[in-house]
N, C-alpha and C. Protein backbone atom coordinates (compact mmCIF):
# COMPACT_ATOMS: atom_id res chain seq x y z
N MET A 1 -118.69 -92.86 0.66
CA MET A 1 -117.71 -91.88 0.71
C MET A 1 -118.31 -90.69 -0.03
N ALA A 2 -119.11 -90.81 -1.11
CA ALA A 2 -119.61 -89.72 -1.78
C ALA A 2 -120.78 -88.99 -0.86
N SER A 3 -121.46 -89.61 -0.14
CA SER A 3 -122.32 -89.13 0.67
C SER A 3 -121.93 -88.18 1.80
N THR A 4 -120.61 -88.62 2.32
CA THR A 4 -119.95 -87.80 3.44
C THR A 4 -119.40 -86.55 2.86
N ASP A 5 -118.88 -86.69 1.47
CA ASP A 5 -118.43 -85.36 0.75
C ASP A 5 -119.64 -84.52 0.64
N ASN A 6 -120.74 -85.01 0.12
CA ASN A 6 -122.07 -84.09 -0.05
C ASN A 6 -122.34 -83.38 1.19
N ARG A 7 -122.44 -84.06 2.43
CA ARG A 7 -122.76 -83.71 3.63
C ARG A 7 -121.93 -82.36 4.03
N ILE A 8 -120.57 -82.78 4.00
CA ILE A 8 -119.62 -81.53 4.24
C ILE A 8 -119.82 -80.49 3.34
N PHE A 9 -120.01 -80.64 1.95
CA PHE A 9 -120.31 -79.56 1.10
C PHE A 9 -121.53 -78.83 1.44
N PHE A 10 -122.56 -79.38 1.74
CA PHE A 10 -123.89 -78.71 2.16
C PHE A 10 -123.74 -78.05 3.48
N ARG A 11 -122.92 -78.66 4.40
CA ARG A 11 -122.84 -77.96 5.73
C ARG A 11 -122.12 -76.69 5.51
N THR A 12 -120.93 -76.73 4.74
CA THR A 12 -120.22 -75.52 4.57
C THR A 12 -120.99 -74.59 3.71
N LEU A 13 -121.66 -74.95 2.76
CA LEU A 13 -122.57 -74.01 2.02
C LEU A 13 -123.59 -73.23 2.94
N VAL A 14 -124.26 -74.03 3.70
CA VAL A 14 -125.26 -73.45 4.78
C VAL A 14 -124.61 -72.48 5.60
N GLN A 15 -123.37 -72.78 6.22
CA GLN A 15 -122.63 -71.99 7.12
C GLN A 15 -122.26 -70.71 6.50
N THR A 16 -121.79 -70.86 5.16
CA THR A 16 -121.25 -69.63 4.48
C THR A 16 -122.54 -68.68 4.17
N LEU A 17 -123.54 -69.30 3.83
CA LEU A 17 -124.84 -68.43 3.53
C LEU A 17 -125.35 -67.82 4.80
N THR A 18 -125.31 -68.57 5.94
CA THR A 18 -125.63 -68.03 7.23
C THR A 18 -124.90 -66.71 7.64
N VAL A 19 -123.49 -66.87 7.54
CA VAL A 19 -122.55 -65.73 7.74
C VAL A 19 -122.72 -64.66 6.89
N THR A 20 -122.99 -64.96 5.67
CA THR A 20 -123.24 -63.73 4.59
C THR A 20 -124.45 -63.01 4.95
N MET A 21 -125.63 -63.92 5.31
CA MET A 21 -126.82 -63.17 5.66
C MET A 21 -126.66 -62.29 6.95
N ALA A 22 -126.04 -62.84 7.99
CA ALA A 22 -125.66 -62.06 9.16
C ALA A 22 -124.96 -60.69 8.82
N ILE A 23 -123.97 -60.84 8.03
CA ILE A 23 -123.15 -59.59 7.66
C ILE A 23 -124.13 -58.57 6.89
N PHE A 24 -124.90 -59.22 6.00
CA PHE A 24 -125.80 -58.27 5.17
C PHE A 24 -126.80 -57.53 6.20
N LEU A 25 -127.42 -58.34 7.19
CA LEU A 25 -128.33 -57.61 8.17
C LEU A 25 -127.66 -56.64 8.92
N VAL A 26 -126.47 -56.94 9.29
CA VAL A 26 -125.77 -55.97 10.25
C VAL A 26 -125.50 -54.66 9.45
N ALA A 27 -125.05 -54.92 8.15
CA ALA A 27 -124.79 -53.75 7.36
C ALA A 27 -126.02 -52.77 7.05
N CYS A 28 -127.14 -53.45 6.72
CA CYS A 28 -128.46 -52.82 6.55
C CYS A 28 -128.89 -52.02 7.87
N ALA A 29 -128.60 -52.65 9.07
CA ALA A 29 -129.27 -52.06 10.25
C ALA A 29 -128.21 -51.01 10.73
N ALA A 30 -126.93 -50.71 10.19
CA ALA A 30 -126.23 -49.74 10.62
C ALA A 30 -126.70 -48.54 10.26
N PRO A 31 -126.52 -47.27 11.14
CA PRO A 31 -126.99 -46.04 10.79
C PRO A 31 -126.33 -45.40 9.70
N GLN A 32 -127.26 -44.79 8.84
CA GLN A 32 -126.77 -44.21 7.64
C GLN A 32 -126.34 -42.62 7.79
N SER A 33 -125.31 -42.11 7.12
CA SER A 33 -125.18 -40.60 7.30
C SER A 33 -126.19 -40.03 6.52
N ASP A 34 -126.50 -38.73 7.03
CA ASP A 34 -127.42 -37.97 6.14
C ASP A 34 -126.74 -37.43 4.96
N SER A 35 -125.38 -37.15 5.06
CA SER A 35 -124.79 -36.50 3.77
C SER A 35 -123.52 -37.19 3.57
N PRO A 36 -123.39 -37.26 2.27
CA PRO A 36 -122.09 -38.01 1.81
C PRO A 36 -120.63 -37.14 2.33
N LYS A 37 -119.64 -37.80 2.26
CA LYS A 37 -118.40 -37.09 2.65
C LYS A 37 -118.08 -36.08 1.89
N GLY A 38 -118.33 -36.04 0.53
CA GLY A 38 -117.97 -34.95 -0.17
C GLY A 38 -118.87 -33.91 -0.49
N LEU A 39 -119.91 -33.85 0.37
CA LEU A 39 -121.04 -32.74 0.32
C LEU A 39 -120.34 -31.64 0.80
N ASP A 40 -119.70 -31.64 1.88
CA ASP A 40 -119.06 -30.40 2.44
C ASP A 40 -118.18 -29.55 1.28
N GLN A 41 -117.47 -30.28 0.67
CA GLN A 41 -116.69 -29.66 -0.49
C GLN A 41 -117.59 -29.00 -1.50
N ASN A 42 -118.75 -29.77 -1.88
CA ASN A 42 -119.60 -29.16 -2.89
C ASN A 42 -120.41 -28.07 -2.40
N VAL A 43 -120.72 -27.92 -1.06
CA VAL A 43 -121.25 -26.73 -0.48
C VAL A 43 -120.41 -25.60 -0.69
N ALA A 44 -119.02 -25.74 -0.31
CA ALA A 44 -118.17 -24.59 -0.39
C ALA A 44 -117.92 -24.09 -1.66
N GLU A 45 -118.16 -24.89 -2.77
CA GLU A 45 -118.03 -24.40 -4.12
C GLU A 45 -119.30 -23.94 -4.75
N ALA A 46 -120.30 -24.24 -4.13
CA ALA A 46 -121.53 -23.85 -4.76
C ALA A 46 -121.86 -22.32 -4.71
N PRO A 47 -122.29 -21.68 -5.57
CA PRO A 47 -122.49 -20.24 -5.58
C PRO A 47 -123.53 -19.89 -4.42
N GLU A 48 -123.32 -18.71 -3.89
CA GLU A 48 -124.11 -18.20 -2.90
C GLU A 48 -125.63 -17.99 -3.31
N GLN A 49 -126.54 -18.43 -2.40
CA GLN A 49 -128.00 -18.25 -2.77
C GLN A 49 -128.50 -17.30 -1.88
N PHE A 50 -129.09 -16.17 -2.29
CA PHE A 50 -129.76 -15.20 -1.50
C PHE A 50 -131.20 -15.25 -1.72
N ALA A 51 -131.96 -15.36 -0.54
CA ALA A 51 -133.28 -15.51 -0.55
C ALA A 51 -133.91 -14.16 -0.40
N ASP A 52 -135.06 -13.86 -1.23
CA ASP A 52 -135.69 -12.61 -1.03
C ASP A 52 -136.64 -12.45 -0.01
N PRO A 53 -136.25 -11.83 1.25
CA PRO A 53 -137.32 -11.66 2.17
C PRO A 53 -138.30 -10.60 1.79
N GLU A 54 -139.42 -10.85 2.45
CA GLU A 54 -140.63 -9.92 2.09
C GLU A 54 -140.40 -8.50 2.77
N VAL A 55 -139.88 -7.60 2.15
CA VAL A 55 -139.63 -6.28 2.61
C VAL A 55 -139.97 -5.35 1.66
N THR A 56 -140.64 -4.30 2.24
CA THR A 56 -140.91 -3.19 1.34
C THR A 56 -139.66 -2.30 1.00
N ASP A 57 -139.47 -2.17 -0.19
CA ASP A 57 -138.27 -1.35 -0.56
C ASP A 57 -138.74 -0.40 -1.75
N THR A 58 -138.51 0.87 -1.30
CA THR A 58 -139.01 1.97 -2.28
C THR A 58 -137.90 2.42 -3.18
N TYR A 59 -136.66 1.79 -3.19
CA TYR A 59 -135.53 2.13 -3.95
C TYR A 59 -135.92 2.08 -5.39
N GLU A 60 -135.68 3.22 -6.22
CA GLU A 60 -135.90 3.35 -7.63
C GLU A 60 -134.57 3.46 -8.16
N GLY A 61 -133.97 2.66 -8.96
CA GLY A 61 -132.69 2.76 -9.56
C GLY A 61 -131.90 1.55 -9.83
N ASP A 62 -130.62 1.69 -10.20
CA ASP A 62 -129.84 0.55 -10.52
C ASP A 62 -129.35 0.05 -9.21
N GLY A 63 -129.48 -1.23 -8.95
CA GLY A 63 -129.12 -1.94 -7.67
C GLY A 63 -127.58 -1.91 -7.48
N MET A 64 -126.79 -1.83 -8.63
CA MET A 64 -125.26 -1.92 -8.47
C MET A 64 -124.73 -0.62 -7.90
N GLU A 65 -125.69 0.47 -7.69
CA GLU A 65 -125.36 1.72 -7.11
C GLU A 65 -125.60 1.65 -5.59
N ILE A 66 -126.19 0.62 -5.11
CA ILE A 66 -126.43 0.63 -3.70
C ILE A 66 -125.25 0.25 -2.89
N PRO A 67 -124.94 1.05 -1.75
CA PRO A 67 -123.79 0.72 -1.01
C PRO A 67 -123.94 -0.52 -0.34
N LEU A 68 -122.91 -1.38 -0.22
CA LEU A 68 -123.03 -2.77 0.43
C LEU A 68 -122.83 -2.38 1.98
N ASP A 69 -123.52 -3.19 2.64
CA ASP A 69 -123.25 -2.88 4.45
C ASP A 69 -122.41 -4.06 4.78
N GLY A 70 -121.23 -3.86 5.17
CA GLY A 70 -120.21 -4.84 5.74
C GLY A 70 -120.07 -4.84 7.13
N THR A 71 -120.99 -4.41 7.97
CA THR A 71 -120.85 -4.38 9.26
C THR A 71 -120.90 -5.63 10.12
N SER A 72 -121.69 -6.55 9.38
CA SER A 72 -121.90 -7.92 9.83
C SER A 72 -122.18 -8.78 8.62
N LEU A 73 -122.25 -10.11 8.87
CA LEU A 73 -122.51 -10.87 7.70
C LEU A 73 -124.01 -10.93 7.42
N GLU A 74 -124.92 -10.75 8.45
CA GLU A 74 -126.23 -10.70 8.22
C GLU A 74 -126.54 -9.42 7.44
N ALA A 75 -125.92 -8.36 7.85
CA ALA A 75 -126.19 -7.06 7.14
C ALA A 75 -125.83 -7.21 5.74
N TRP A 76 -124.53 -7.89 5.47
CA TRP A 76 -124.09 -8.03 4.16
C TRP A 76 -125.05 -8.82 3.17
N ASP A 77 -125.49 -9.98 3.81
CA ASP A 77 -126.63 -10.70 3.07
C ASP A 77 -127.91 -10.09 2.74
N ALA A 78 -128.26 -9.17 3.74
CA ALA A 78 -129.41 -8.40 3.39
C ALA A 78 -129.16 -7.21 2.38
N SER A 79 -127.94 -6.67 2.43
CA SER A 79 -127.51 -5.76 1.23
C SER A 79 -127.50 -6.42 -0.09
N MET A 80 -126.89 -7.63 -0.07
CA MET A 80 -126.86 -8.36 -1.30
C MET A 80 -128.14 -8.75 -1.90
N VAL A 81 -129.13 -9.00 -0.94
CA VAL A 81 -130.47 -9.37 -1.43
C VAL A 81 -131.05 -8.08 -1.96
N ARG A 82 -130.86 -6.80 -1.40
CA ARG A 82 -131.39 -5.70 -2.03
C ARG A 82 -130.86 -5.36 -3.32
N VAL A 83 -129.58 -5.62 -3.60
CA VAL A 83 -128.80 -5.33 -4.66
C VAL A 83 -129.36 -6.24 -5.77
N LYS A 84 -129.62 -7.50 -5.36
CA LYS A 84 -130.26 -8.55 -6.36
C LYS A 84 -131.62 -8.04 -6.73
N ARG A 85 -132.37 -7.53 -5.89
CA ARG A 85 -133.76 -7.17 -6.25
C ARG A 85 -133.70 -6.02 -7.13
N HIS A 86 -132.79 -5.19 -7.26
CA HIS A 86 -132.90 -4.00 -8.10
C HIS A 86 -131.75 -4.01 -9.21
N SER A 87 -131.30 -5.16 -9.44
CA SER A 87 -130.28 -5.41 -10.51
C SER A 87 -130.67 -6.44 -11.56
N THR A 88 -130.05 -6.35 -12.72
CA THR A 88 -130.31 -7.26 -13.76
C THR A 88 -129.62 -8.63 -13.27
N GLU A 89 -130.05 -9.71 -13.81
CA GLU A 89 -129.33 -11.09 -13.52
C GLU A 89 -127.90 -11.03 -13.88
N ALA A 90 -127.59 -10.51 -15.06
CA ALA A 90 -126.24 -10.42 -15.51
C ALA A 90 -125.32 -9.65 -14.53
N SER A 91 -125.76 -8.46 -14.19
CA SER A 91 -124.84 -7.58 -13.26
C SER A 91 -124.76 -8.16 -12.02
N PHE A 92 -125.84 -8.84 -11.58
CA PHE A 92 -125.68 -9.36 -10.11
C PHE A 92 -124.75 -10.63 -10.22
N THR A 93 -124.78 -11.22 -11.24
CA THR A 93 -123.90 -12.52 -11.39
C THR A 93 -122.41 -11.94 -11.54
N THR A 94 -122.30 -10.89 -12.30
CA THR A 94 -120.88 -10.44 -12.22
C THR A 94 -120.43 -9.97 -10.94
N LEU A 95 -121.25 -9.34 -10.06
CA LEU A 95 -120.86 -8.97 -8.71
C LEU A 95 -120.67 -10.12 -7.92
N SER A 96 -121.49 -11.11 -8.05
CA SER A 96 -121.14 -12.41 -7.11
C SER A 96 -120.01 -12.98 -7.59
N ASN A 97 -119.63 -12.99 -8.70
CA ASN A 97 -118.43 -13.59 -9.22
C ASN A 97 -117.16 -12.82 -8.78
N ALA A 98 -117.28 -11.41 -8.87
CA ALA A 98 -116.28 -10.47 -8.41
C ALA A 98 -116.02 -10.83 -6.79
N ILE A 99 -117.04 -11.07 -6.15
CA ILE A 99 -116.89 -11.31 -4.67
C ILE A 99 -116.25 -12.66 -4.42
N ALA A 100 -116.73 -13.55 -5.21
CA ALA A 100 -115.99 -14.83 -5.11
C ALA A 100 -114.59 -15.00 -5.58
N TYR A 101 -114.18 -14.09 -6.55
CA TYR A 101 -112.76 -13.95 -7.04
C TYR A 101 -111.89 -13.33 -5.83
N LEU A 102 -112.51 -12.29 -5.22
CA LEU A 102 -111.80 -11.59 -4.21
C LEU A 102 -111.48 -12.30 -3.06
N LEU A 103 -112.57 -13.19 -2.74
CA LEU A 103 -112.45 -14.13 -1.52
C LEU A 103 -111.38 -15.02 -1.76
N VAL A 104 -110.95 -15.49 -2.96
CA VAL A 104 -110.04 -16.46 -3.21
C VAL A 104 -108.68 -15.66 -3.47
N TYR A 105 -108.59 -14.61 -4.18
CA TYR A 105 -107.31 -14.13 -4.72
C TYR A 105 -106.91 -12.87 -3.80
N ASP A 106 -107.72 -12.23 -3.04
CA ASP A 106 -107.14 -11.18 -2.24
C ASP A 106 -106.41 -11.76 -1.07
N LEU A 107 -105.26 -11.51 -0.94
CA LEU A 107 -104.37 -12.06 -0.02
C LEU A 107 -104.40 -11.53 1.36
N GLU A 108 -105.07 -10.24 1.48
CA GLU A 108 -105.31 -9.77 2.82
C GLU A 108 -106.36 -10.49 3.60
N VAL A 109 -107.43 -10.95 2.79
CA VAL A 109 -108.58 -11.65 3.44
C VAL A 109 -108.24 -13.15 3.76
N ARG A 110 -107.48 -13.76 2.90
CA ARG A 110 -107.21 -14.99 3.10
C ARG A 110 -108.32 -16.00 3.16
N ARG A 111 -109.25 -15.87 2.30
CA ARG A 111 -110.54 -16.60 2.24
C ARG A 111 -111.47 -16.56 3.55
N ASP A 112 -111.21 -15.52 4.22
CA ASP A 112 -112.01 -15.17 5.29
C ASP A 112 -113.24 -14.26 4.81
N LYS A 113 -114.51 -14.53 4.85
CA LYS A 113 -115.48 -13.69 4.31
C LYS A 113 -115.73 -12.66 5.26
N GLU A 114 -115.61 -12.88 6.52
CA GLU A 114 -115.95 -11.68 7.40
C GLU A 114 -114.91 -10.58 7.14
N LYS A 115 -113.52 -10.96 6.94
CA LYS A 115 -112.51 -9.84 6.69
C LYS A 115 -112.87 -9.17 5.20
N LEU A 116 -113.31 -9.92 4.21
CA LEU A 116 -113.70 -9.42 2.87
C LEU A 116 -114.96 -8.44 3.10
N VAL A 117 -115.90 -8.97 3.78
CA VAL A 117 -117.15 -8.07 3.90
C VAL A 117 -116.78 -6.68 4.65
N THR A 118 -115.82 -6.71 5.66
CA THR A 118 -115.48 -5.70 6.34
C THR A 118 -114.58 -4.71 5.38
N LYS A 119 -113.91 -5.25 4.46
CA LYS A 119 -112.97 -4.53 3.46
C LYS A 119 -113.99 -3.82 2.44
N LEU A 120 -114.97 -4.43 2.12
CA LEU A 120 -115.87 -4.05 1.11
C LEU A 120 -117.05 -3.12 1.69
N ASP A 121 -116.96 -2.91 2.84
CA ASP A 121 -118.22 -2.21 3.54
C ASP A 121 -118.19 -0.70 2.89
N GLY A 122 -119.32 -0.39 2.55
CA GLY A 122 -119.74 1.01 1.80
C GLY A 122 -119.37 1.13 0.36
N LEU A 123 -118.99 0.02 -0.25
CA LEU A 123 -118.67 0.14 -1.63
C LEU A 123 -119.91 -0.11 -2.39
N THR A 124 -120.11 0.38 -3.57
CA THR A 124 -121.29 0.01 -4.57
C THR A 124 -120.78 -1.27 -5.28
N GLY A 125 -121.66 -1.81 -5.87
CA GLY A 125 -121.45 -2.99 -6.75
C GLY A 125 -120.53 -2.68 -7.79
N TYR A 126 -120.62 -1.61 -8.45
CA TYR A 126 -119.64 -1.26 -9.50
C TYR A 126 -118.18 -1.09 -8.94
N GLU A 127 -118.03 -0.44 -7.70
CA GLU A 127 -116.76 -0.36 -7.18
C GLU A 127 -116.15 -1.72 -6.74
N VAL A 128 -117.04 -2.70 -6.41
CA VAL A 128 -116.43 -3.93 -6.11
C VAL A 128 -116.05 -4.69 -7.27
N VAL A 129 -116.67 -4.69 -8.40
CA VAL A 129 -116.42 -5.23 -9.70
C VAL A 129 -115.01 -4.49 -10.15
N ALA A 130 -114.92 -3.23 -9.99
CA ALA A 130 -113.74 -2.51 -10.37
C ALA A 130 -112.50 -2.80 -9.73
N LYS A 131 -112.58 -3.28 -8.35
CA LYS A 131 -111.55 -3.88 -7.62
C LYS A 131 -111.01 -5.12 -8.20
N VAL A 132 -111.55 -5.85 -8.92
CA VAL A 132 -111.14 -7.10 -9.46
C VAL A 132 -110.30 -7.02 -10.70
N GLY A 133 -109.04 -7.41 -10.63
CA GLY A 133 -108.18 -7.32 -11.79
C GLY A 133 -108.41 -8.52 -12.72
N TRP A 134 -109.53 -8.35 -13.49
CA TRP A 134 -109.79 -9.62 -14.29
C TRP A 134 -108.49 -9.71 -15.41
N ARG A 135 -108.30 -10.89 -15.58
CA ARG A 135 -107.23 -11.23 -16.41
C ARG A 135 -107.50 -10.77 -17.84
N LYS A 136 -106.75 -9.99 -18.52
CA LYS A 136 -106.94 -9.49 -19.81
C LYS A 136 -106.26 -10.35 -20.79
N PRO A 137 -106.92 -10.55 -22.09
CA PRO A 137 -106.30 -11.33 -23.09
C PRO A 137 -105.04 -10.55 -23.53
N PRO A 138 -104.00 -11.37 -24.14
CA PRO A 138 -102.82 -10.80 -24.60
C PRO A 138 -103.14 -10.04 -25.85
N PRO A 139 -102.16 -8.93 -26.02
CA PRO A 139 -102.46 -8.12 -27.09
C PRO A 139 -102.15 -8.93 -28.40
N GLY A 140 -102.87 -8.42 -29.47
CA GLY A 140 -102.72 -9.15 -30.74
C GLY A 140 -104.09 -9.24 -31.54
N LYS A 141 -104.14 -9.97 -32.58
CA LYS A 141 -105.26 -9.69 -33.37
C LYS A 141 -106.42 -10.51 -32.74
N SER A 142 -107.57 -10.00 -33.06
CA SER A 142 -108.82 -10.83 -32.78
C SER A 142 -109.02 -11.82 -33.82
N LYS A 143 -110.00 -12.73 -33.61
CA LYS A 143 -110.31 -13.78 -34.63
C LYS A 143 -110.83 -13.18 -35.87
N ALA A 144 -111.49 -12.00 -35.72
CA ALA A 144 -112.18 -11.41 -36.83
C ALA A 144 -111.16 -10.71 -37.73
N GLU A 145 -110.25 -10.13 -37.08
CA GLU A 145 -109.09 -9.55 -37.77
C GLU A 145 -108.31 -10.54 -38.46
N LYS A 146 -107.97 -11.61 -37.74
CA LYS A 146 -107.07 -12.64 -38.30
C LYS A 146 -107.86 -13.27 -39.49
N GLY A 147 -109.13 -13.62 -39.47
CA GLY A 147 -109.84 -14.10 -40.49
C GLY A 147 -109.91 -13.17 -41.65
N ALA A 148 -110.17 -11.92 -41.43
CA ALA A 148 -110.01 -11.00 -42.52
C ALA A 148 -108.71 -11.01 -43.30
N ALA A 149 -107.62 -11.07 -42.48
CA ALA A 149 -106.29 -11.00 -43.05
C ALA A 149 -106.14 -12.24 -43.92
N ASP A 150 -106.58 -13.33 -43.49
CA ASP A 150 -106.33 -14.60 -44.09
C ASP A 150 -107.20 -14.51 -45.43
N ALA A 151 -108.35 -13.86 -45.37
CA ALA A 151 -109.25 -13.75 -46.65
C ALA A 151 -108.50 -13.01 -47.59
N GLN A 152 -107.85 -11.94 -47.17
CA GLN A 152 -107.18 -10.96 -48.12
C GLN A 152 -106.02 -11.76 -48.65
N ILE A 153 -105.38 -12.50 -48.06
CA ILE A 153 -104.21 -13.38 -48.65
C ILE A 153 -104.67 -14.34 -49.66
N ILE A 154 -105.86 -14.97 -49.43
CA ILE A 154 -106.38 -15.98 -50.23
C ILE A 154 -106.80 -15.21 -51.61
N ASP A 155 -107.37 -13.96 -51.49
CA ASP A 155 -107.93 -13.31 -52.58
C ASP A 155 -107.04 -12.71 -53.52
N THR A 156 -105.67 -12.43 -53.11
CA THR A 156 -104.66 -11.86 -53.94
C THR A 156 -103.96 -12.85 -54.72
């Protein structure tokens, strides 16, 4: 009786291992996607990257004063590259953040980059940054003023 129980056990074990191995081989042979599902969301949230094409540019001055060309998306990208080339990193980052802000919060464009580019056509970087109504802190004392007031209270 013990030998028949052992045979049934080993037969079941071999069948289970065979089925498991077949499932594993099928899973390994299935075509893999090149990009994970969440990659599309990460691409939308990633900051824009502008490549510097090899173009001779004789402009001498502040890049934020260059008018942006909004006639097409390609012209927009080219003008943004030109502004980047002649601006400091901080001012170009501010401009990029302002454009991203307008793309989200300007209700006329409704997250449509082509509409935003058309709306900003001919404006300089400074004018684009000025269009953004950055949230201002509420009125009141700054930390330095509050700290000074606390120090005066302690001293008296």
